[in-house]
Amino acid sequence: MRSNQCISNRLSSIMTVLVIFFSMMMLIGCSSTETQSSTGELIDDSAITMKVKAKLFDDAIVRSAAISVETFKGTVQLSGFANSKDEIKQAESLAKSVEGVRAVRNNIILK
């Protein structure tokens, strides 16, 4: 009887350690690194990208189909081609106006 209780206590201890271990691994797996976004950041970045694209689409100066938008940890990268310097400046200005944008890298090239 006593040996069963001893085995039960050991199994309980092992299970506790395993639960703690896997919980820690899940927390580490969801955190961000310099080159990879966390799950929350990825969702935020997707929302920022959509908001910037919507602003570009609604603007009369910017041809949104010719401009690509990508976001990583709040930094928006604009790339593509524009017909004028005003279009390039307007695209950057619109991207900067979106809530959550930390920086804008404007790689739009003038045709």
Protein backbone atom coordinates (compact mmCIF):
# COMPACT_ATOMS: atom_id res chain seq x y z
CA MET A 1 0.00 0.00 0.00
CA ARG A 2 2.78 2.38 0.93
CA SER A 3 4.67 1.74 -2.33
CA ASN A 4 1.57 2.66 -4.35
CA GLN A 5 1.36 5.96 -2.50
CA CYS A 6 5.07 6.59 -3.15
CA ILE A 7 4.62 5.87 -6.87
CA SER A 8 1.56 8.12 -6.96
CA ASN A 9 3.53 10.98 -5.32
CA ARG A 10 6.37 10.57 -7.83
CA LEU A 11 3.98 10.57 -10.77
CA SER A 12 2.28 13.67 -9.41
CA SER A 13 5.66 15.42 -9.08
CA ILE A 14 6.68 14.42 -12.59
CA MET A 15 3.37 15.66 -14.00
CA THR A 16 3.78 18.99 -12.20
CA VAL A 17 7.28 19.43 -13.62
CA LEU A 18 6.06 18.55 -17.12
CA VAL A 19 3.17 21.02 -16.94
CA ILE A 20 5.53 23.79 -15.80
CA PHE A 21 8.04 22.88 -18.52
CA PHE A 22 5.48 22.90 -21.34
CA SER A 23 3.93 26.13 -20.06
CA MET A 24 7.32 27.82 -20.16
CA MET A 25 7.97 26.48 -23.67
CA MET A 26 4.67 27.90 -24.88
CA LEU A 27 5.50 31.31 -23.44
CA ILE A 28 8.93 31.27 -25.04
CA GLY A 29 7.46 30.13 -28.35
CA CYS A 30 5.04 33.08 -28.46
CA SER A 31 7.64 35.75 -27.74
CA SER A 32 9.27 37.82 -30.45
CA THR A 33 12.87 38.03 -31.60
CA GLU A 34 14.69 40.56 -33.76
CA THR A 35 13.76 38.68 -36.92
CA GLN A 36 10.41 37.18 -35.94
CA SER A 37 7.21 38.75 -34.65
CA SER A 38 5.20 37.37 -31.77
CA THR A 39 1.62 36.30 -32.44
CA GLY A 40 0.27 39.59 -31.09
CA GLU A 41 2.71 41.65 -33.13
CA LEU A 42 1.83 39.67 -36.25
CA ILE A 43 -1.85 40.48 -35.77
CA ASP A 44 -1.02 44.15 -35.12
CA ASP A 45 1.22 44.28 -38.19
CA SER A 46 -1.53 42.77 -40.35
CA ALA A 47 -4.01 45.36 -39.10
CA ILE A 48 -1.55 48.19 -39.79
CA THR A 49 -0.91 46.88 -43.30
CA MET A 50 -4.64 46.74 -44.03
CA LYS A 51 -5.20 50.27 -42.70
CA VAL A 52 -2.34 51.69 -44.78
CA LYS A 53 -3.60 49.91 -47.91
CA ALA A 54 -7.11 51.27 -47.30
CA LYS A 55 -5.78 54.84 -46.97
CA LEU A 56 -3.74 54.46 -50.16
CA PHE A 57 -6.75 53.04 -51.99
CA ASP A 58 -9.03 55.90 -50.90
CA ASP A 59 -6.54 58.60 -51.88
CA ALA A 60 -6.96 60.48 -55.18
CA ILE A 61 -3.20 61.07 -55.69
CA VAL A 62 -1.83 57.60 -54.94
CA ARG A 63 -2.22 54.70 -57.36
CA SER A 64 -2.53 51.99 -54.72
CA ALA A 65 -2.29 49.09 -57.17
CA ALA A 66 1.31 50.04 -57.97
CA ILE A 67 2.44 50.24 -54.32
CA SER A 68 3.17 47.30 -52.06
CA VAL A 69 2.83 47.57 -48.27
CA GLU A 70 4.53 45.32 -45.72
CA THR A 71 4.75 45.77 -41.94
CA PHE A 72 7.18 44.28 -39.43
CA LYS A 73 6.99 45.23 -35.75
CA GLY A 74 5.25 48.50 -36.59
CA THR A 75 7.67 49.54 -39.32
CA VAL A 76 5.87 49.95 -42.64
CA GLN A 77 7.78 49.38 -45.87
CA LEU A 78 6.38 50.93 -49.03
CA SER A 79 7.68 49.73 -52.38
CA GLY A 80 6.68 49.94 -56.03
CA PHE A 81 6.52 52.64 -58.65
CA ALA A 82 4.99 56.12 -58.72
CA ASN A 83 4.33 58.65 -61.47
CA SER A 84 5.35 61.69 -59.42
CA LYS A 85 7.25 62.83 -56.35
CA ASP A 86 3.94 64.06 -54.93
CA GLU A 87 2.57 60.52 -55.12
CA ILE A 88 5.61 59.18 -53.25
CA LYS A 89 5.34 61.84 -50.53
CA GLN A 90 1.57 61.34 -50.20
CA ALA A 91 1.94 57.57 -49.80
CA GLU A 92 4.52 58.06 -47.05
CA SER A 93 2.40 60.69 -45.32
CA LEU A 94 -0.67 58.44 -45.38
CA ALA A 95 1.31 55.51 -43.95
CA LYS A 96 2.69 57.67 -41.13
CA SER A 97 -0.83 58.80 -40.22
CA VAL A 98 -1.98 55.26 -39.36
CA GLU A 99 -2.15 54.50 -35.64
CA GLY A 100 0.49 52.00 -34.53
CA VAL A 101 3.03 52.87 -37.23
CA ARG A 102 6.43 53.38 -35.62
CA ALA A 103 8.40 54.15 -38.78
CA VAL A 104 8.01 54.19 -42.57
CA ARG A 105 10.61 52.99 -45.03
CA ASN A 106 9.73 54.51 -48.35
CA ASN A 107 11.27 52.50 -51.18
CA ILE A 108 8.87 53.74 -53.85
CA ILE A 109 10.71 54.47 -57.12
CA LEU A 110 9.83 57.35 -59.43
CA LYS A 111 9.09 56.16 -62.98
